[in-house]
Amino acid sequence: YLLEWSRKEKLEQPVYETEQRAQDRAFQSTVM
């Protein structure tokens, strides 16, 4: 949905930056 909205608004595609915690291998992502 976010990808399609970005295209509709003629914006650059969303870019995701994801990191992984060492202690439990869990993930957290930031989208631009």
PDB file of all heavy atoms in Angstrom:
ATOM      1  N   TYR A   1       0.831  -1.208   0.000  1.00  0.00           N
ATOM      2  CA  TYR A   1       0.000   0.000   0.000  1.00  0.00           C
ATOM      3  C   TYR A   1       0.868   1.261   0.000  1.00  0.00           C
ATOM      4  O   TYR A   1       0.574   2.240  -0.703  1.00  0.00           O
ATOM      5  CB  TYR A   1      -0.934  -0.001   1.216  1.00  0.00           C
ATOM      6  CG  TYR A   1      -2.290  -0.593   0.923  1.00  0.00           C
ATOM      7  CD1 TYR A   1      -2.426  -1.958   0.655  1.00  0.00           C
ATOM      8  CD2 TYR A   1      -3.431   0.189   0.875  1.00  0.00           C
ATOM      9  CE1 TYR A   1      -3.657  -2.518   0.369  1.00  0.00           C
ATOM     10  CE2 TYR A   1      -4.680  -0.353   0.589  1.00  0.00           C
ATOM     11  CZ  TYR A   1      -4.785  -1.701   0.334  1.00  0.00           C
ATOM     12  OH  TYR A   1      -6.007  -2.245   0.037  1.00  0.00           O
ATOM     13  N   LEU A   2       1.939   1.237   0.784  1.00  0.00           N
ATOM     14  CA  LEU A   2       2.820   2.399   0.835  1.00  0.00           C
ATOM     15  C   LEU A   2       3.527   2.607  -0.499  1.00  0.00           C
ATOM     16  O   LEU A   2       3.690   3.749  -0.976  1.00  0.00           O
ATOM     17  CB  LEU A   2       3.846   2.220   1.958  1.00  0.00           C
ATOM     18  CG  LEU A   2       4.760   3.410   2.230  1.00  0.00           C
ATOM     19  CD1 LEU A   2       3.970   4.679   2.513  1.00  0.00           C
ATOM     20  CD2 LEU A   2       5.706   3.087   3.388  1.00  0.00           C
ATOM     21  N   LEU A   3       3.938   1.525  -1.126  1.00  0.00           N
ATOM     22  CA  LEU A   3       4.590   1.604  -2.430  1.00  0.00           C
ATOM     23  C   LEU A   3       3.651   2.203  -3.474  1.00  0.00           C
ATOM     24  O   LEU A   3       4.026   3.114  -4.230  1.00  0.00           O
ATOM     25  CB  LEU A   3       5.047   0.209  -2.858  1.00  0.00           C
ATOM     26  CG  LEU A   3       5.627   0.075  -4.271  1.00  0.00           C
ATOM     27  CD1 LEU A   3       6.886   0.912  -4.421  1.00  0.00           C
ATOM     28  CD2 LEU A   3       5.911  -1.385  -4.582  1.00  0.00           C
ATOM     29  N   GLU A   4       2.413   1.702  -3.508  1.00  0.00           N
ATOM     30  CA  GLU A   4       1.457   2.204  -4.497  1.00  0.00           C
ATOM     31  C   GLU A   4       1.094   3.674  -4.245  1.00  0.00           C
ATOM     32  O   GLU A   4       0.935   4.453  -5.180  1.00  0.00           O
ATOM     33  CB  GLU A   4       0.196   1.339  -4.490  1.00  0.00           C
ATOM     34  CG  GLU A   4       0.417  -0.083  -4.990  1.00  0.00           C
ATOM     35  CD  GLU A   4       0.843  -0.112  -6.447  1.00  0.00           C
ATOM     36  OE1 GLU A   4       0.376   0.736  -7.233  1.00  0.00           O
ATOM     37  OE2 GLU A   4       1.670  -0.967  -6.791  1.00  0.00           O
ATOM     38  N   TRP A   5       0.961   4.059  -2.971  1.00  0.00           N
ATOM     39  CA  TRP A   5       0.659   5.460  -2.661  1.00  0.00           C
ATOM     40  C   TRP A   5       1.803   6.368  -3.113  1.00  0.00           C
ATOM     41  O   TRP A   5       1.585   7.446  -3.670  1.00  0.00           O
ATOM     42  CB  TRP A   5       0.409   5.625  -1.168  1.00  0.00           C
ATOM     43  CG  TRP A   5       0.156   7.057  -0.770  1.00  0.00           C
ATOM     44  CD1 TRP A   5      -1.008   7.746  -0.884  1.00  0.00           C
ATOM     45  CD2 TRP A   5       1.116   7.969  -0.216  1.00  0.00           C
ATOM     46  NE1 TRP A   5      -0.847   9.036  -0.435  1.00  0.00           N
ATOM     47  CE2 TRP A   5       0.447   9.202  -0.026  1.00  0.00           C
ATOM     48  CE3 TRP A   5       2.461   7.864   0.132  1.00  0.00           C
ATOM     49  CZ2 TRP A   5       1.089  10.317   0.510  1.00  0.00           C
ATOM     50  CZ3 TRP A   5       3.103   8.972   0.663  1.00  0.00           C
ATOM     51  CH2 TRP A   5       2.418  10.181   0.844  1.00  0.00           C
ATOM     52  N   SER A   6       3.043   5.926  -2.878  1.00  0.00           N
ATOM     53  CA  SER A   6       4.212   6.716  -3.284  1.00  0.00           C
ATOM     54  C   SER A   6       4.226   6.914  -4.795  1.00  0.00           C
ATOM     55  O   SER A   6       4.532   8.012  -5.287  1.00  0.00           O
ATOM     56  CB  SER A   6       5.502   6.024  -2.823  1.00  0.00           C
ATOM     57  OG  SER A   6       5.525   5.893  -1.416  1.00  0.00           O
ATOM     58  N   ARG A   7       3.902   5.884  -5.532  1.00  0.00           N
ATOM     59  CA  ARG A   7       3.860   6.008  -6.989  1.00  0.00           C
ATOM     60  C   ARG A   7       2.759   6.971  -7.427  1.00  0.00           C
ATOM     61  O   ARG A   7       2.946   7.789  -8.319  1.00  0.00           O
ATOM     62  CB  ARG A   7       3.627   4.634  -7.608  1.00  0.00           C
ATOM     63  CG  ARG A   7       4.837   3.727  -7.522  1.00  0.00           C
ATOM     64  CD  ARG A   7       4.467   2.333  -7.972  1.00  0.00           C
ATOM     65  NE  ARG A   7       5.650   1.505  -8.123  1.00  0.00           N
ATOM     66  CZ  ARG A   7       5.617   0.197  -8.251  1.00  0.00           C
ATOM     67  NH1 ARG A   7       4.457  -0.433  -8.218  1.00  0.00           N
ATOM     68  NH2 ARG A   7       6.729  -0.498  -8.390  1.00  0.00           N
ATOM     69  N   LYS A   8       1.614   6.837  -6.772  1.00  0.00           N
ATOM     70  CA  LYS A   8       0.484   7.698  -7.114  1.00  0.00           C
ATOM     71  C   LYS A   8       0.825   9.165  -6.879  1.00  0.00           C
ATOM     72  O   LYS A   8       0.420  10.057  -7.643  1.00  0.00           O
ATOM     73  CB  LYS A   8      -0.730   7.295  -6.272  1.00  0.00           C
ATOM     74  CG  LYS A   8      -2.001   8.070  -6.581  1.00  0.00           C
ATOM     75  CD  LYS A   8      -3.144   7.575  -5.709  1.00  0.00           C
ATOM     76  CE  LYS A   8      -4.411   8.375  -5.955  1.00  0.00           C
ATOM     77  NZ  LYS A   8      -5.523   7.925  -5.083  1.00  0.00           N
ATOM     78  N   GLU A   9       1.583   9.424  -5.803  1.00  0.00           N
ATOM     79  CA  GLU A   9       1.984  10.793  -5.467  1.00  0.00           C
ATOM     80  C   GLU A   9       3.258  11.222  -6.192  1.00  0.00           C
ATOM     81  O   GLU A   9       3.785  12.306  -5.948  1.00  0.00           O
ATOM     82  CB  GLU A   9       2.192  10.909  -3.957  1.00  0.00           C
ATOM     83  CG  GLU A   9       0.942  10.653  -3.135  1.00  0.00           C
ATOM     84  CD  GLU A   9      -0.155  11.661  -3.416  1.00  0.00           C
ATOM     85  OE1 GLU A   9       0.151  12.866  -3.463  1.00  0.00           O
ATOM     86  OE2 GLU A   9      -1.323  11.236  -3.601  1.00  0.00           O
ATOM     87  N   LYS A  10       3.775  10.326  -7.049  1.00  0.00           N
ATOM     88  CA  LYS A  10       4.999  10.591  -7.818  1.00  0.00           C
ATOM     89  C   LYS A  10       6.186  10.891  -6.894  1.00  0.00           C
ATOM     90  O   LYS A  10       7.008  11.775  -7.153  1.00  0.00           O
ATOM     91  CB  LYS A  10       4.785  11.740  -8.808  1.00  0.00           C
ATOM     92  CG  LYS A  10       3.753  11.394  -9.896  1.00  0.00           C
ATOM     93  CD  LYS A  10       3.594  12.507 -10.896  1.00  0.00           C
ATOM     94  CE  LYS A  10       2.785  12.077 -12.104  1.00  0.00           C
ATOM     95  NZ  LYS A  10       1.501  11.436 -11.783  1.00  0.00           N
ATOM     96  N   LEU A  11       6.265  10.137  -5.809  1.00  0.00           N
ATOM     97  CA  LEU A  11       7.382  10.230  -4.870  1.00  0.00           C
ATOM     98  C   LEU A  11       8.383   9.116  -5.171  1.00  0.00           C
ATOM     99  O   LEU A  11       8.062   8.133  -5.842  1.00  0.00           O
ATOM    100  CB  LEU A  11       6.886  10.082  -3.431  1.00  0.00           C
ATOM    101  CG  LEU A  11       5.879  11.116  -2.944  1.00  0.00           C
ATOM    102  CD1 LEU A  11       5.345  10.716  -1.567  1.00  0.00           C
ATOM    103  CD2 LEU A  11       6.517  12.513  -2.883  1.00  0.00           C
ATOM    104  N   GLU A  12       9.578   9.265  -4.635  1.00  0.00           N
ATOM    105  CA  GLU A  12      10.546   8.180  -4.740  1.00  0.00           C
ATOM    106  C   GLU A  12      10.030   6.986  -3.939  1.00  0.00           C
ATOM    107  O   GLU A  12       9.292   7.134  -2.965  1.00  0.00           O
ATOM    108  CB  GLU A  12      11.910   8.626  -4.203  1.00  0.00           C
ATOM    109  CG  GLU A  12      12.594   9.665  -5.074  1.00  0.00           C
ATOM    110  CD  GLU A  12      13.996   9.963  -4.576  1.00  0.00           C
ATOM    111  OE1 GLU A  12      14.465   9.266  -3.638  1.00  0.00           O
ATOM    112  OE2 GLU A  12      14.628  10.892  -5.115  1.00  0.00           O
ATOM    113  N   GLN A  13      10.442   5.803  -4.360  1.00  0.00           N
ATOM    114  CA  GLN A  13      10.002   4.600  -3.666  1.00  0.00           C
ATOM    115  C   GLN A  13      10.480   4.601  -2.212  1.00  0.00           C
ATOM    116  O   GLN A  13      11.569   5.092  -1.913  1.00  0.00           O
ATOM    117  CB  GLN A  13      10.532   3.361  -4.367  1.00  0.00           C
ATOM    118  CG  GLN A  13       9.915   3.140  -5.734  1.00  0.00           C
ATOM    119  CD  GLN A  13      10.474   1.903  -6.402  1.00  0.00           C
ATOM    120  OE1 GLN A  13      11.310   1.215  -5.836  1.00  0.00           O
ATOM    121  NE2 GLN A  13      10.028   1.621  -7.605  1.00  0.00           N
ATOM    122  N   PRO A  14       9.676   4.055  -1.295  1.00  0.00           N
ATOM    123  CA  PRO A  14      10.122   3.958   0.097  1.00  0.00           C
ATOM    124  C   PRO A  14      11.418   3.160   0.207  1.00  0.00           C
ATOM    125  O   PRO A  14      11.619   2.177  -0.509  1.00  0.00           O
ATOM    126  CB  PRO A  14       8.965   3.212   0.780  1.00  0.00           C
ATOM    127  CG  PRO A  14       7.782   3.430  -0.120  1.00  0.00           C
ATOM    128  CD  PRO A  14       8.328   3.512  -1.504  1.00  0.00           C
ATOM    129  N   VAL A  15      12.287   3.604   1.102  1.00  0.00           N
ATOM    130  CA  VAL A  15      13.550   2.911   1.341  1.00  0.00           C
ATOM    131  C   VAL A  15      13.586   2.464   2.802  1.00  0.00           C
ATOM    132  O   VAL A  15      13.338   3.263   3.709  1.00  0.00           O
ATOM    133  CB  VAL A  15      14.754   3.820   1.037  1.00  0.00           C
ATOM    134  CG1 VAL A  15      16.055   3.104   1.377  1.00  0.00           C
ATOM    135  CG2 VAL A  15      14.752   4.236  -0.432  1.00  0.00           C
ATOM    136  N   TYR A  16      13.877   1.195   3.023  1.00  0.00           N
ATOM    137  CA  TYR A  16      13.869   0.614   4.362  1.00  0.00           C
ATOM    138  C   TYR A  16      15.283   0.365   4.856  1.00  0.00           C
ATOM    139  O   TYR A  16      16.103  -0.216   4.143  1.00  0.00           O
ATOM    140  CB  TYR A  16      13.087  -0.708   4.360  1.00  0.00           C
ATOM    141  CG  TYR A  16      11.632  -0.533   4.034  1.00  0.00           C
ATOM    142  CD1 TYR A  16      11.200  -0.458   2.702  1.00  0.00           C
ATOM    143  CD2 TYR A  16      10.687  -0.417   5.036  1.00  0.00           C
ATOM    144  CE1 TYR A  16       9.865  -0.284   2.389  1.00  0.00           C
ATOM    145  CE2 TYR A  16       9.338  -0.238   4.735  1.00  0.00           C
ATOM    146  CZ  TYR A  16       8.935  -0.166   3.416  1.00  0.00           C
ATOM    147  OH  TYR A  16       7.615   0.020   3.103  1.00  0.00           O
ATOM    148  N   GLU A  17      15.549   0.804   6.063  1.00  0.00           N
ATOM    149  CA  GLU A  17      16.833   0.533   6.714  1.00  0.00           C
ATOM    150  C   GLU A  17      16.546  -0.335   7.925  1.00  0.00           C
ATOM    151  O   GLU A  17      15.840   0.074   8.852  1.00  0.00           O
ATOM    152  CB  GLU A  17      17.504   1.836   7.147  1.00  0.00           C
ATOM    153  CG  GLU A  17      18.842   1.615   7.843  1.00  0.00           C
ATOM    154  CD  GLU A  17      19.498   2.932   8.244  1.00  0.00           C
ATOM    155  OE1 GLU A  17      19.457   3.882   7.438  1.00  0.00           O
ATOM    156  OE2 GLU A  17      20.044   2.988   9.359  1.00  0.00           O
ATOM    157  N   THR A  18      17.059  -1.551   7.919  1.00  0.00           N
ATOM    158  CA  THR A  18      16.732  -2.531   8.956  1.00  0.00           C
ATOM    159  C   THR A  18      17.982  -2.930   9.725  1.00  0.00           C
ATOM    160  O   THR A  18      19.023  -3.180   9.133  1.00  0.00           O
ATOM    161  CB  THR A  18      16.093  -3.784   8.327  1.00  0.00           C
ATOM    162  OG1 THR A  18      14.923  -3.397   7.608  1.00  0.00           O
ATOM    163  CG2 THR A  18      15.698  -4.799   9.395  1.00  0.00           C
ATOM    164  N   GLU A  19      17.842  -2.981  11.045  1.00  0.00           N
ATOM    165  CA  GLU A  19      18.959  -3.413  11.881  1.00  0.00           C
ATOM    166  C   GLU A  19      18.546  -4.592  12.744  1.00  0.00           C
ATOM    167  O   GLU A  19      17.358  -4.778  13.026  1.00  0.00           O
ATOM    168  CB  GLU A  19      19.472  -2.266  12.757  1.00  0.00           C
ATOM    169  CG  GLU A  19      18.451  -1.646  13.675  1.00  0.00           C
ATOM    170  CD  GLU A  19      19.023  -0.486  14.467  1.00  0.00           C
ATOM    171  OE1 GLU A  19      20.254  -0.470  14.654  1.00  0.00           O
ATOM    172  OE2 GLU A  19      18.254   0.381  14.896  1.00  0.00           O
ATOM    173  N   GLN A  20      19.532  -5.368  13.157  1.00  0.00           N
ATOM    174  CA  GLN A  20      19.283  -6.566  13.946  1.00  0.00           C
ATOM    175  C   GLN A  20      20.069  -6.493  15.248  1.00  0.00           C
ATOM    176  O   GLN A  20      21.271  -6.261  15.247  1.00  0.00           O
ATOM    177  CB  GLN A  20      19.689  -7.820  13.166  1.00  0.00           C
ATOM    178  CG  GLN A  20      19.372  -9.122  13.886  1.00  0.00           C
ATOM    179  CD  GLN A  20      19.729 -10.338  13.063  1.00  0.00           C
ATOM    180  OE1 GLN A  20      20.595 -10.281  12.192  1.00  0.00           O
ATOM    181  NE2 GLN A  20      19.075 -11.455  13.327  1.00  0.00           N
ATOM    182  N   ARG A  21      19.371  -6.682  16.352  1.00  0.00           N
ATOM    183  CA  ARG A  21      20.026  -6.682  17.664  1.00  0.00           C
ATOM    184  C   ARG A  21      20.848  -7.948  17.841  1.00  0.00           C
ATOM    185  O   ARG A  21      20.383  -9.042  17.514  1.00  0.00           O
ATOM    186  CB  ARG A  21      18.981  -6.617  18.793  1.00  0.00           C
ATOM    187  CG  ARG A  21      18.495  -5.246  19.107  1.00  0.00           C
ATOM    188  CD  ARG A  21      17.747  -5.188  20.423  1.00  0.00           C
ATOM    189  NE  ARG A  21      16.664  -6.160  20.536  1.00  0.00           N
ATOM    190  CZ  ARG A  21      15.502  -5.905  21.130  1.00  0.00           C
ATOM    191  NH1 ARG A  21      15.269  -4.708  21.629  1.00  0.00           N
ATOM    192  NH2 ARG A  21      14.573  -6.839  21.226  1.00  0.00           N
ATOM    193  N   ALA A  22      22.024  -7.818  18.413  1.00  0.00           N
ATOM    194  CA  ALA A  22      22.886  -8.981  18.592  1.00  0.00           C
ATOM    195  C   ALA A  22      22.357  -9.914  19.670  1.00  0.00           C
ATOM    196  O   ALA A  22      22.451 -11.136  19.548  1.00  0.00           O
ATOM    197  CB  ALA A  22      24.306  -8.528  18.943  1.00  0.00           C
ATOM    198  N   GLN A  23      21.777  -9.350  20.753  1.00  0.00           N
ATOM    199  CA  GLN A  23      21.444 -10.198  21.894  1.00  0.00           C
ATOM    200  C   GLN A  23      20.316 -11.175  21.632  1.00  0.00           C
ATOM    201  O   GLN A  23      20.312 -12.304  22.148  1.00  0.00           O
ATOM    202  CB  GLN A  23      21.113  -9.347  23.131  1.00  0.00           C
ATOM    203  CG  GLN A  23      19.871  -8.460  22.992  1.00  0.00           C
ATOM    204  CD  GLN A  23      20.218  -7.058  22.537  1.00  0.00           C
ATOM    205  OE1 GLN A  23      21.108  -6.875  21.714  1.00  0.00           O
ATOM    206  NE2 GLN A  23      19.517  -6.071  23.089  1.00  0.00           N
ATOM    207  N   ASP A  24      19.303 -10.787  20.835  1.00  0.00           N
ATOM    208  CA  ASP A  24      18.187 -11.694  20.598  1.00  0.00           C
ATOM    209  C   ASP A  24      17.846 -11.855  19.123  1.00  0.00           C
ATOM    210  O   ASP A  24      16.848 -12.483  18.777  1.00  0.00           O
ATOM    211  CB  ASP A  24      16.940 -11.236  21.359  1.00  0.00           C
ATOM    212  CG  ASP A  24      16.468  -9.853  20.919  1.00  0.00           C
ATOM    213  OD1 ASP A  24      17.131  -9.256  20.048  1.00  0.00           O
ATOM    214  OD2 ASP A  24      15.456  -9.376  21.463  1.00  0.00           O
ATOM    215  N   ARG A  25      18.650 -11.253  18.240  1.00  0.00           N
ATOM    216  CA  ARG A  25      18.499 -11.370  16.794  1.00  0.00           C
ATOM    217  C   ARG A  25      17.159 -10.811  16.306  1.00  0.00           C
ATOM    218  O   ARG A  25      16.667 -11.194  15.252  1.00  0.00           O
ATOM    219  CB  ARG A  25      18.661 -12.834  16.352  1.00  0.00           C
ATOM    220  CG  ARG A  25      19.985 -13.446  16.739  1.00  0.00           C
ATOM    221  CD  ARG A  25      20.084 -14.908  16.361  1.00  0.00           C
ATOM    222  NE  ARG A  25      20.028 -15.112  14.926  1.00  0.00           N
ATOM    223  CZ  ARG A  25      21.052 -14.979  14.099  1.00  0.00           C
ATOM    224  NH1 ARG A  25      22.230 -14.618  14.577  1.00  0.00           N
ATOM    225  NH2 ARG A  25      20.914 -15.197  12.812  1.00  0.00           N
ATOM    226  N   ALA A  26      16.574  -9.907  17.079  1.00  0.00           N
ATOM    227  CA  ALA A  26      15.328  -9.260  16.666  1.00  0.00           C
ATOM    228  C   ALA A  26      15.628  -8.127  15.690  1.00  0.00           C
ATOM    229  O   ALA A  26      16.759  -7.610  15.633  1.00  0.00           O
ATOM    230  CB  ALA A  26      14.576  -8.730  17.877  1.00  0.00           C
ATOM    231  N   PHE A  27      14.600  -7.709  14.936  1.00  0.00           N
ATOM    232  CA  PHE A  27      14.781  -6.717  13.874  1.00  0.00           C
ATOM    233  C   PHE A  27      13.936  -5.467  14.139  1.00  0.00           C
ATOM    234  O   PHE A  27      12.845  -5.548  14.692  1.00  0.00           O
ATOM    235  CB  PHE A  27      14.374  -7.304  12.518  1.00  0.00           C
ATOM    236  CG  PHE A  27      15.261  -8.424  12.034  1.00  0.00           C
ATOM    237  CD1 PHE A  27      15.033  -9.729  12.447  1.00  0.00           C
ATOM    238  CD2 PHE A  27      16.318  -8.178  11.177  1.00  0.00           C
ATOM    239  CE1 PHE A  27      15.832 -10.772  12.004  1.00  0.00           C
ATOM    240  CE2 PHE A  27      17.131  -9.206  10.730  1.00  0.00           C
ATOM    241  CZ  PHE A  27      16.889 -10.507  11.145  1.00  0.00           C
ATOM    242  N   GLN A  28      14.472  -4.328  13.683  1.00  0.00           N
ATOM    243  CA  GLN A  28      13.729  -3.073  13.698  1.00  0.00           C
ATOM    244  C   GLN A  28      14.061  -2.326  12.409  1.00  0.00           C
ATOM    245  O   GLN A  28      15.204  -2.263  11.995  1.00  0.00           O
ATOM    246  CB  GLN A  28      14.124  -2.229  14.907  1.00  0.00           C
ATOM    247  CG  GLN A  28      13.261  -0.988  15.097  1.00  0.00           C
ATOM    248  CD  GLN A  28      13.691  -0.195  16.325  1.00  0.00           C
ATOM    249  OE1 GLN A  28      14.834   0.240  16.410  1.00  0.00           O
ATOM    250  NE2 GLN A  28      12.781  -0.021  17.280  1.00  0.00           N
ATOM    251  N   SER A  29      13.023  -1.774  11.775  1.00  0.00           N
ATOM    252  CA  SER A  29      13.212  -1.142  10.476  1.00  0.00           C
ATOM    253  C   SER A  29      12.728   0.296  10.503  1.00  0.00           C
ATOM    254  O   SER A  29      11.767   0.638  11.201  1.00  0.00           O
ATOM    255  CB  SER A  29      12.441  -1.926   9.405  1.00  0.00           C
ATOM    256  OG  SER A  29      12.698  -1.402   8.118  1.00  0.00           O
ATOM    257  N   THR A  30      13.395   1.138   9.745  1.00  0.00           N
ATOM    258  CA  THR A  30      13.000   2.531   9.548  1.00  0.00           C
ATOM    259  C   THR A  30      12.757   2.741   8.062  1.00  0.00           C
ATOM    260  O   THR A  30      13.583   2.339   7.238  1.00  0.00           O
ATOM    261  CB  THR A  30      14.093   3.495  10.036  1.00  0.00           C
ATOM    262  OG1 THR A  30      14.357   3.251  11.412  1.00  0.00           O
ATOM    263  CG2 THR A  30      13.665   4.946   9.851  1.00  0.00           C
ATOM    264  N   VAL A  31      11.624   3.353   7.730  1.00  0.00           N
ATOM    265  CA  VAL A  31      11.324   3.607   6.329  1.00  0.00           C
ATOM    266  C   VAL A  31      11.409   5.100   6.050  1.00  0.00           C
ATOM    267  O   VAL A  31      10.954   5.919   6.849  1.00  0.00           O
ATOM    268  CB  VAL A  31       9.932   3.055   5.927  1.00  0.00           C
ATOM    269  CG1 VAL A  31       8.804   3.717   6.712  1.00  0.00           C
ATOM    270  CG2 VAL A  31       9.701   3.201   4.431  1.00  0.00           C
ATOM    271  N   MET A  32      12.021   5.436   4.927  1.00  0.00           N
ATOM    272  CA  MET A  32      12.140   6.834   4.487  1.00  0.00           C
ATOM    273  C   MET A  32      11.143   7.070   3.360  1.00  0.00           C
ATOM    274  O   MET A  32      11.179   6.409   2.323  1.00  0.00           O
ATOM    275  CB  MET A  32      13.560   7.120   3.994  1.00  0.00           C
ATOM    276  CG  MET A  32      13.726   8.484   3.349  1.00  0.00           C
ATOM    277  SD  MET A  32      13.978   9.817   4.526  1.00  0.00           S
ATOM    278  CE  MET A  32      15.706   9.567   4.960  1.00  0.00           C
TER     279      MET A  32
END
